[in-house]
Amino acid sequence: MASFIINCPNCHHQFEPGDSIREEVEKELRGKVIEWQKKKDEEFRQKEQEAARQLETEKKRLRDELQDSLRKTITADFENQLKMLQLADADKEEKLKEARKKELDFLQKEQALKAKEEELELSVQRRLLEAREQLKEQLVKEEAEKMSLKEQEYQLQLKELEKKLEDQKKLAEEMRRKSEQGSMQLQGEVQELMLEELLEAAFPFDKVEEVGKGVRGADCIQTVRNQFGNECGRIIYESKRTKDFANEWIEKLKADMRNQGADVAVIVTQALPKDMDRFGEKDGVYICTFAEVRSVALLLRNAILRIADAKKSQDNKGDKMVMLYDYLTSGEFGEQWKAIREGFMSIRQGIQKERDAMEKLWKAREKQLEKVLLNAAHIQGSVEGIAGSDVDLNLLDDNDSLLLE
């Protein structure tokens, strides 16, 4: 044991106490230390109890505030999510109604288009018949106009001839005698050559062929060609330069026309039949003078070209009518149908995009809902760990079918 030194407060002399004094002092010190230790222990217990009471009060206050805050936050989030889902459902329903309406409109337009196509086919048939009648009337009208002009010219010439008839009788008789003195064959050949030259000059794209001497057939054959050089038909000509017209020429030329595969037969004659005083048609053969042959050839050639165009159109489209075929193969119909198809594809793509967007939106909202439920479960676990199961924070009922994957 260490030595215990006592210092005198008066003289400051230090000395060691004896065993009795030391025991008494140590005993007194131990008592004071024990008493002080008990006092400190009691004060510590009181402070510890006070701190425990304050901690419990603070924990209760924090638990109440946390429960209230969580309840308000979860309720507000759930109401917002519910409103968003309701708005999304309403928007989806509106878009679906609009898509159904567009599809119904398209089906109605398609049905109307089919009805219009049927009406168009009937209209084309009517127009074709009308076009044929108009072509016939036009040909008759053109012929009548030409005949009227010829009639007027003939009347004027007749007046002039009547006035000069007496003066020209001698000259005409002399010219007639001179013409009869020449070779009838030579005169005919001259007219044939002039006819070929006239046709070649008037229609440079056509092929004009001479029928050789001694060959059974007409004098001249004109192969009609269009602007592309395609053969459209043939016109056969018989040139006559005699005083009188013979009816057997008609049957002979008709036989030649069949043998040569021609479409139209024309007799160019100086002497017309007794019942004709100008250009006309008799037993399927056209008869005209040399002065009229150019106009007659032009008229017949145009008719052959039109008939060839009509036949070509008929060949290209089978049993379909000309106007319907032309319309269906035209750029106008192609552009209209292209516009309809583009509208259909646009509607279809729009519906598909809306469907994809809604699927994407549903998936996103499903993930958001799962996130809300997962966070709510975490909060519920934390709250139950603090406050127990007294606070009901379940967002779903026990029998709810919505499960988190």
Protein backbone atom coordinates (compact mmCIF):
# COMPACT_ATOMS: atom_id res chain seq x y z
CA MET A 1 0.00 0.00 0.00
CA ALA A 2 1.30 3.45 -0.83
CA SER A 3 2.21 5.69 2.06
CA PHE A 4 -0.35 8.32 3.03
CA ILE A 5 1.13 11.81 3.82
CA ILE A 6 -0.74 14.41 5.88
CA ASN A 7 0.09 18.11 5.41
CA CYS A 8 -0.46 20.39 8.47
CA PRO A 9 -2.51 23.36 7.49
CA ASN A 10 -0.79 25.67 10.00
CA CYS A 11 2.89 24.87 9.80
CA HIS A 12 2.74 22.93 6.61
CA HIS A 13 4.60 20.06 8.16
CA GLN A 14 4.16 16.77 6.50
CA PHE A 15 3.99 13.53 8.39
CA GLU A 16 2.69 10.02 8.04
CA PRO A 17 -0.34 9.19 10.11
CA GLY A 18 -0.47 6.23 12.22
CA ASP A 19 -2.39 3.07 11.46
CA SER A 20 -5.39 4.12 13.55
CA ILE A 21 -5.67 7.51 11.99
CA ARG A 22 -5.17 6.09 8.54
CA GLU A 23 -7.89 3.49 8.99
CA GLU A 24 -10.28 6.13 10.27
CA VAL A 25 -9.54 8.48 7.40
CA GLU A 26 -9.79 5.71 4.81
CA LYS A 27 -13.05 4.55 6.32
CA GLU A 28 -14.45 8.06 6.22
CA LEU A 29 -13.28 8.52 2.61
CA ARG A 30 -14.75 5.22 1.53
CA GLY A 31 -18.09 6.21 3.05
CA LYS A 32 -18.08 9.52 1.25
CA VAL A 33 -17.11 7.85 -2.02
CA ILE A 34 -19.89 5.27 -1.68
CA GLU A 35 -22.39 7.97 -0.83
CA TRP A 36 -21.27 10.08 -3.79
CA GLN A 37 -21.42 7.01 -6.06
CA LYS A 38 -24.98 6.24 -4.94
CA LYS A 39 -25.98 9.83 -5.51
CA LYS A 40 -24.52 9.82 -8.99
CA ASP A 41 -26.15 6.49 -9.77
CA GLU A 42 -29.53 7.85 -8.65
CA GLU A 43 -29.09 11.01 -10.73
CA PHE A 44 -28.10 8.90 -13.77
CA ARG A 45 -31.13 6.66 -13.35
CA GLN A 46 -33.40 9.69 -13.13
CA LYS A 47 -31.85 11.28 -16.25
CA GLU A 48 -32.02 7.95 -18.07
CA GLN A 49 -35.73 7.58 -17.19
CA GLU A 50 -36.39 11.19 -18.28
CA ALA A 51 -34.54 10.63 -21.56
CA ALA A 52 -36.48 7.40 -22.14
CA ARG A 53 -39.76 9.24 -21.55
CA GLN A 54 -38.72 12.05 -23.91
CA LEU A 55 -37.55 9.52 -26.55
CA GLU A 56 -40.83 7.64 -26.32
CA THR A 57 -42.78 10.89 -26.63
CA GLU A 58 -40.68 11.98 -29.63
CA LYS A 59 -41.02 8.55 -31.25
CA LYS A 60 -44.78 8.67 -30.81
CA ARG A 61 -44.92 12.18 -32.24
CA LEU A 62 -42.74 11.23 -35.22
CA ARG A 63 -44.78 8.05 -35.77
CA ASP A 64 -48.02 10.03 -35.79
CA GLU A 65 -46.60 12.66 -38.17
CA LEU A 66 -45.14 9.96 -40.45
CA GLN A 67 -48.41 8.05 -40.53
CA ASP A 68 -50.38 11.19 -41.34
CA SER A 69 -47.89 12.29 -44.01
CA LEU A 70 -47.78 8.84 -45.57
CA ARG A 71 -51.57 8.60 -45.58
CA LYS A 72 -51.89 12.00 -47.28
CA THR A 73 -49.10 11.29 -49.82
CA ILE A 74 -50.40 7.85 -50.74
CA THR A 75 -53.97 9.13 -51.01
CA ALA A 76 -52.94 12.07 -53.22
CA ASP A 77 -50.75 9.86 -55.45
CA PHE A 78 -53.49 7.28 -55.78
CA GLU A 79 -56.07 9.93 -56.67
CA ASN A 80 -53.71 11.43 -59.28
CA GLN A 81 -52.99 8.04 -60.80
CA LEU A 82 -56.69 7.23 -60.80
CA LYS A 83 -57.52 10.52 -62.56
CA MET A 84 -54.76 9.91 -65.11
CA LEU A 85 -56.11 6.43 -65.83
CA GLN A 86 -59.65 7.76 -66.17
CA LEU A 87 -58.50 10.50 -68.57
CA ALA A 88 -56.47 7.98 -70.56
CA ASP A 89 -59.45 5.62 -70.79
CA ALA A 90 -61.70 8.44 -71.97
CA ASP A 91 -59.12 9.54 -74.54
CA LYS A 92 -58.67 5.95 -75.73
CA GLU A 93 -62.43 5.46 -76.06
CA GLU A 94 -62.75 8.70 -78.04
CA LYS A 95 -59.95 7.70 -80.41
CA LEU A 96 -61.48 4.25 -80.89
CA LYS A 97 -64.83 5.84 -81.74
CA GLU A 98 -63.12 8.15 -84.24
CA ALA A 99 -61.26 5.22 -85.80
CA ARG A 100 -64.49 3.22 -86.13
CA LYS A 101 -66.17 6.23 -87.71
CA LYS A 102 -63.32 6.63 -90.23
CA GLU A 103 -63.47 2.94 -91.09
CA LEU A 104 -67.24 3.16 -91.60
CA ASP A 105 -66.81 6.22 -93.84
CA PHE A 106 -64.20 4.40 -95.91
CA LEU A 107 -66.45 1.36 -96.36
CA GLN A 108 -69.32 3.61 -97.41
CA LYS A 109 -67.08 5.41 -99.91
CA GLU A 110 -65.86 2.08 -101.28
CA GLN A 111 -69.46 0.90 -101.75
CA ALA A 112 -70.33 4.20 -103.44
CA LEU A 113 -67.32 3.80 -105.74
CA LYS A 114 -68.49 0.33 -106.80
CA ALA A 115 -71.95 1.71 -107.51
CA LYS A 116 -70.41 4.52 -109.57
CA GLU A 117 -68.36 1.98 -111.54
CA GLU A 118 -71.54 0.06 -112.41
CA GLU A 119 -73.27 3.27 -113.42
CA LEU A 120 -70.19 4.22 -115.46
CA GLU A 121 -70.32 0.93 -117.37
CA LEU A 122 -73.96 1.51 -118.27
CA SER A 123 -73.19 5.11 -119.21
CA VAL A 124 -70.32 3.96 -121.43
CA GLN A 125 -72.60 1.60 -123.30
CA ARG A 126 -75.11 4.38 -123.87
CA ARG A 127 -72.38 6.79 -124.97
CA LEU A 128 -70.94 4.24 -127.38
CA LEU A 129 -74.29 3.86 -129.07
CA GLU A 130 -74.68 7.63 -129.15
CA ALA A 131 -71.17 8.02 -130.61
CA ARG A 132 -72.00 5.58 -133.39
CA GLU A 133 -75.18 7.45 -134.21
CA GLN A 134 -73.32 10.76 -134.11
CA LEU A 135 -70.61 9.41 -136.43
CA LYS A 136 -73.24 8.23 -138.87
CA GLU A 137 -75.08 11.55 -138.68
CA GLN A 138 -71.78 13.42 -139.12
CA LEU A 139 -70.91 11.45 -142.23
CA VAL A 140 -74.37 12.04 -143.67
CA LYS A 141 -74.15 15.71 -142.76
CA GLU A 142 -70.70 16.11 -144.34
CA GLU A 143 -71.90 14.36 -147.45
CA ALA A 144 -75.01 16.54 -147.58
CA GLU A 145 -72.93 19.69 -147.13
CA LYS A 146 -70.57 18.67 -149.89
CA MET A 147 -73.48 17.78 -152.10
CA SER A 148 -75.05 21.14 -151.35
CA LEU A 149 -71.83 22.94 -152.27
CA LYS A 150 -71.54 20.90 -155.41
CA GLU A 151 -75.16 21.66 -156.19
CA GLN A 152 -74.54 25.37 -155.87
CA GLU A 153 -71.43 25.18 -158.01
CA TYR A 154 -73.29 23.07 -160.50
CA GLN A 155 -76.16 25.56 -160.72
CA LEU A 156 -73.72 28.44 -161.28
CA GLN A 157 -71.83 26.49 -163.87
CA LEU A 158 -75.09 25.45 -165.46
CA LYS A 159 -76.16 29.06 -165.78
CA GLU A 160 -72.85 29.96 -167.33
CA LEU A 161 -72.94 26.96 -169.63
CA GLU A 162 -76.48 27.73 -170.73
CA LYS A 163 -75.39 31.23 -171.62
CA LYS A 164 -72.34 30.04 -173.54
CA LEU A 165 -73.82 26.82 -174.84
CA GLU A 166 -74.40 27.99 -178.34
CA ASP A 167 -70.89 29.45 -178.61
CA GLN A 168 -69.23 26.29 -177.29
CA LYS A 169 -71.15 23.70 -179.28
CA LYS A 170 -68.79 23.77 -182.21
CA LEU A 171 -65.68 23.76 -180.01
CA ALA A 172 -67.02 20.91 -177.89
CA GLU A 173 -67.87 18.86 -180.94
CA GLU A 174 -64.39 19.37 -182.35
CA MET A 175 -62.73 18.40 -179.03
CA ARG A 176 -64.97 15.32 -178.77
CA ARG A 177 -63.92 14.17 -182.20
CA LYS A 178 -60.27 14.64 -181.34
CA SER A 179 -60.60 12.72 -178.10
CA GLU A 180 -62.35 9.85 -179.83
CA GLN A 181 -59.52 9.70 -182.35
CA GLY A 182 -57.03 8.86 -179.59
CA SER A 183 -56.57 5.47 -178.03
CA MET A 184 -59.20 4.70 -175.38
CA GLN A 185 -56.66 2.52 -173.55
CA LEU A 186 -54.12 5.34 -173.57
CA GLN A 187 -56.70 7.74 -172.16
CA GLY A 188 -57.55 5.28 -169.42
CA GLU A 189 -53.90 4.75 -168.52
CA VAL A 190 -53.36 8.51 -168.35
CA GLN A 191 -56.23 8.84 -165.89
CA GLU A 192 -54.86 5.90 -163.87
CA LEU A 193 -51.43 7.54 -163.63
CA MET A 194 -52.98 10.84 -162.66
CA LEU A 195 -55.06 9.05 -160.01
CA GLU A 196 -51.97 7.37 -158.52
CA GLU A 197 -50.03 10.64 -158.51
CA LEU A 198 -52.95 12.45 -156.88
CA LEU A 199 -53.24 9.83 -154.10
CA GLU A 200 -49.49 9.74 -153.47
CA ALA A 201 -49.32 13.52 -153.25
CA ALA A 202 -52.40 13.83 -151.02
CA PHE A 203 -51.47 10.95 -148.67
CA PRO A 204 -47.68 10.59 -148.52
CA PHE A 205 -47.77 8.15 -145.60
CA ASP A 206 -50.03 5.68 -147.43
CA LYS A 207 -48.87 3.02 -149.86
CA VAL A 208 -50.32 3.38 -153.38
CA GLU A 209 -49.79 0.36 -155.65
CA GLU A 210 -50.60 -0.11 -159.32
CA VAL A 211 -52.23 -3.30 -160.48
CA GLY A 212 -50.32 -4.56 -163.55
CA LYS A 213 -51.83 -5.01 -166.94
CA GLY A 214 -53.32 -8.41 -167.59
CA VAL A 215 -53.78 -9.05 -163.90
CA ARG A 216 -57.34 -9.58 -162.75
CA GLY A 217 -58.24 -6.81 -160.33
CA ALA A 218 -58.68 -3.09 -159.99
CA ASP A 219 -56.40 -0.39 -161.33
CA CYS A 220 -55.04 0.96 -158.05
CA ILE A 221 -54.91 -0.09 -154.36
CA GLN A 222 -54.32 2.40 -151.51
CA THR A 223 -53.07 0.93 -148.20
CA VAL A 224 -54.11 3.36 -145.43
CA ARG A 225 -51.55 3.89 -142.65
CA ASN A 226 -51.85 5.87 -139.43
CA GLN A 227 -49.32 8.29 -137.99
CA PHE A 228 -47.32 5.37 -136.54
CA GLY A 229 -47.02 3.60 -139.90
CA ASN A 230 -49.44 0.81 -138.99
CA GLU A 231 -51.76 -0.50 -141.71
CA CYS A 232 -55.41 0.26 -140.95
CA GLY A 233 -57.21 -0.75 -144.14
CA ARG A 234 -57.22 -0.77 -147.95
CA ILE A 235 -59.14 1.18 -150.60
CA ILE A 236 -59.41 -0.24 -154.10
CA TYR A 237 -59.91 2.08 -157.11
CA GLU A 238 -61.21 1.38 -160.62
CA SER A 239 -60.59 4.14 -163.18
CA LYS A 240 -63.00 4.49 -166.13
CA ARG A 241 -62.94 7.06 -168.89
CA THR A 242 -65.78 6.22 -171.24
CA LYS A 243 -68.94 7.84 -172.52
CA ASP A 244 -71.41 5.59 -170.71
CA PHE A 245 -71.44 3.98 -167.26
CA ALA A 246 -71.81 0.15 -167.14
CA ASN A 247 -73.50 -1.40 -164.10
CA GLU A 248 -71.39 -4.57 -164.42
CA TRP A 249 -68.42 -2.52 -163.24
CA ILE A 250 -69.90 -2.53 -159.75
CA GLU A 251 -70.12 -6.32 -159.40
CA LYS A 252 -66.67 -6.76 -160.95
CA LEU A 253 -65.10 -4.25 -158.54
CA LYS A 254 -66.85 -5.88 -155.57
CA ALA A 255 -65.35 -9.23 -156.60
CA ASP A 256 -61.92 -7.59 -156.96
CA MET A 257 -62.36 -6.01 -153.54
CA ARG A 258 -62.97 -9.43 -151.97
CA ASN A 259 -60.02 -10.97 -153.81
CA GLN A 260 -57.64 -8.18 -152.81
CA GLY A 261 -58.89 -8.04 -149.22
CA ALA A 262 -59.85 -4.37 -149.51
CA ASP A 263 -62.26 -2.58 -147.17
CA VAL A 264 -63.75 0.01 -149.57
CA ALA A 265 -64.18 0.11 -153.35
CA VAL A 266 -64.28 3.32 -155.44
CA ILE A 267 -65.03 3.79 -159.13
CA VAL A 268 -63.52 6.95 -160.64
CA THR A 269 -65.44 7.57 -163.83
CA GLN A 270 -66.01 10.29 -166.33
CA ALA A 271 -69.58 9.12 -166.96
CA LEU A 272 -71.83 8.70 -163.91
CA PRO A 273 -74.80 6.32 -163.73
CA LYS A 274 -78.08 7.66 -165.10
CA ASP A 275 -79.65 7.92 -161.64
CA MET A 276 -76.64 9.87 -160.23
CA ASP A 277 -75.49 13.35 -161.05
CA ARG A 278 -72.65 13.60 -158.48
CA PHE A 279 -70.67 11.55 -155.92
CA GLY A 280 -72.62 8.77 -154.25
CA GLU A 281 -72.79 5.13 -153.20
CA LYS A 282 -74.43 2.30 -155.15
CA ASP A 283 -74.62 -1.37 -154.12
CA GLY A 284 -71.75 -0.97 -151.66
CA VAL A 285 -69.41 0.79 -154.11
CA TYR A 286 -68.62 4.50 -154.05
CA ILE A 287 -68.80 6.30 -157.42
CA CYS A 288 -67.27 9.72 -158.13
CA THR A 289 -65.64 11.81 -160.82
CA PHE A 290 -61.92 12.52 -161.05
CA ALA A 291 -62.49 16.02 -159.68
CA GLU A 292 -64.17 14.54 -156.59
CA VAL A 293 -61.79 11.64 -155.94
CA ARG A 294 -59.47 13.54 -153.56
CA SER A 295 -62.33 14.56 -151.25
CA VAL A 296 -63.88 11.09 -151.43
CA ALA A 297 -60.53 9.43 -150.63
CA LEU A 298 -60.00 11.77 -147.66
CA LEU A 299 -63.48 11.02 -146.30
CA LEU A 300 -63.12 7.25 -146.70
CA ARG A 301 -59.58 7.27 -145.31
CA ASN A 302 -60.66 9.11 -142.14
CA ALA A 303 -63.48 6.64 -141.66
CA ILE A 304 -61.06 3.70 -142.02
CA LEU A 305 -58.69 5.25 -139.46
CA ARG A 306 -61.53 5.76 -136.97
CA ILE A 307 -62.77 2.20 -137.45
CA ALA A 308 -59.22 0.89 -137.00
CA ASP A 309 -58.82 2.88 -133.78
CA ALA A 310 -62.13 1.51 -132.52
CA LYS A 311 -61.10 -2.06 -133.39
CA LYS A 312 -57.75 -1.58 -131.71
CA SER A 313 -59.46 -0.34 -128.55
CA GLN A 314 -61.83 -3.33 -128.66
CA ASP A 315 -58.87 -5.72 -129.03
CA ASN A 316 -57.01 -4.21 -126.09
CA LYS A 317 -59.85 -4.47 -123.61
CA GLY A 318 -61.75 -7.56 -124.68
CA ASP A 319 -65.45 -7.22 -123.97
CA LYS A 320 -65.08 -3.86 -122.25
CA MET A 321 -66.39 -0.73 -123.88
CA VAL A 322 -64.12 1.86 -125.47
CA MET A 323 -64.78 4.78 -123.18
CA LEU A 324 -64.57 2.69 -120.02
CA TYR A 325 -61.28 1.22 -121.13
CA ASP A 326 -59.88 4.63 -122.03
CA TYR A 327 -60.99 6.06 -118.71
CA LEU A 328 -59.63 3.17 -116.64
CA THR A 329 -56.28 3.34 -118.42
CA SER A 330 -56.04 7.11 -118.30
CA GLY A 331 -53.77 9.09 -116.00
CA GLU A 332 -56.79 10.81 -114.45
CA PHE A 333 -58.28 7.54 -113.18
CA GLY A 334 -54.83 6.37 -112.04
CA GLU A 335 -54.28 9.53 -110.01
CA GLN A 336 -57.77 9.34 -108.49
CA TRP A 337 -57.33 5.72 -107.50
CA LYS A 338 -53.84 6.52 -106.18
CA ALA A 339 -55.36 9.27 -104.01
CA ILE A 340 -58.00 6.82 -102.68
CA ARG A 341 -55.32 4.23 -101.94
CA GLU A 342 -53.11 6.80 -100.21
CA GLY A 343 -56.08 7.91 -98.09
CA PHE A 344 -56.84 4.27 -97.18
CA MET A 345 -53.20 3.57 -96.29
CA SER A 346 -53.03 6.78 -94.25
CA ILE A 347 -56.14 5.79 -92.26
CA ARG A 348 -54.83 2.28 -91.80
CA GLN A 349 -51.41 3.49 -90.65
CA GLY A 350 -53.07 6.03 -88.36
CA ILE A 351 -55.16 3.29 -86.72
CA GLN A 352 -52.07 1.11 -86.33
CA LYS A 353 -50.09 4.00 -84.84
CA GLU A 354 -52.91 4.77 -82.41
CA ARG A 355 -53.08 1.10 -81.44
CA ASP A 356 -49.30 0.97 -80.90
CA ALA A 357 -49.39 4.24 -78.96
CA MET A 358 -52.21 2.97 -76.73
CA GLU A 359 -50.38 -0.32 -76.13
CA LYS A 360 -47.25 1.64 -75.24
CA LEU A 361 -49.26 3.97 -72.97
CA TRP A 362 -50.95 1.01 -71.24
CA LYS A 363 -47.61 -0.66 -70.66
CA ALA A 364 -46.13 2.57 -69.28
CA ARG A 365 -49.09 3.10 -66.95
CA GLU A 366 -48.97 -0.53 -65.86
CA LYS A 367 -45.31 -0.05 -64.95
CA GLN A 368 -46.18 3.18 -63.12
CA LEU A 369 -48.93 1.38 -61.19
CA GLU A 370 -46.56 -1.44 -60.32
CA LYS A 371 -44.03 1.15 -59.13
CA VAL A 372 -46.69 2.84 -56.97
CA LEU A 373 -47.73 -0.48 -55.44
CA LEU A 374 -44.11 -1.47 -54.82
CA ASN A 375 -43.31 1.86 -53.11
CA ALA A 376 -46.51 1.61 -51.09
CA ALA A 377 -45.51 -1.90 -49.97
CA HIS A 378 -42.09 -0.59 -48.89
CA ILE A 379 -43.71 2.26 -46.94
CA GLN A 380 -46.24 -0.13 -45.39
CA GLY A 381 -43.41 -2.41 -44.24
CA SER A 382 -41.50 0.51 -42.76
CA VAL A 383 -44.59 1.85 -40.96
CA GLU A 384 -45.56 -1.58 -39.64
CA GLY A 385 -41.99 -2.00 -38.38
CA ILE A 386 -42.40 1.20 -36.36
CA ALA A 387 -46.09 1.29 -35.39
CA GLY A 388 -47.15 -2.32 -35.87
CA SER A 389 -50.21 -3.34 -37.88
CA ASP A 390 -52.50 -0.72 -36.35
CA VAL A 391 -52.27 1.50 -39.44
CA ASP A 392 -54.03 0.13 -42.58
CA LEU A 393 -52.02 1.22 -45.63
CA ASN A 394 -53.22 -1.44 -48.11
CA LEU A 395 -54.05 -0.04 -51.59
CA LEU A 396 -55.57 -3.32 -52.76
CA ASP A 397 -58.24 -5.52 -51.24
CA ASP A 398 -57.46 -9.07 -50.33
CA ASN A 399 -59.46 -10.39 -53.30
CA ASP A 400 -57.95 -7.91 -55.82
CA SER A 401 -56.73 -9.66 -58.99
CA LEU A 402 -53.93 -7.16 -59.74
CA LEU A 403 -50.62 -8.81 -58.86
CA LEU A 404 -47.07 -7.63 -59.26
CA GLU A 405 -44.87 -9.80 -61.43
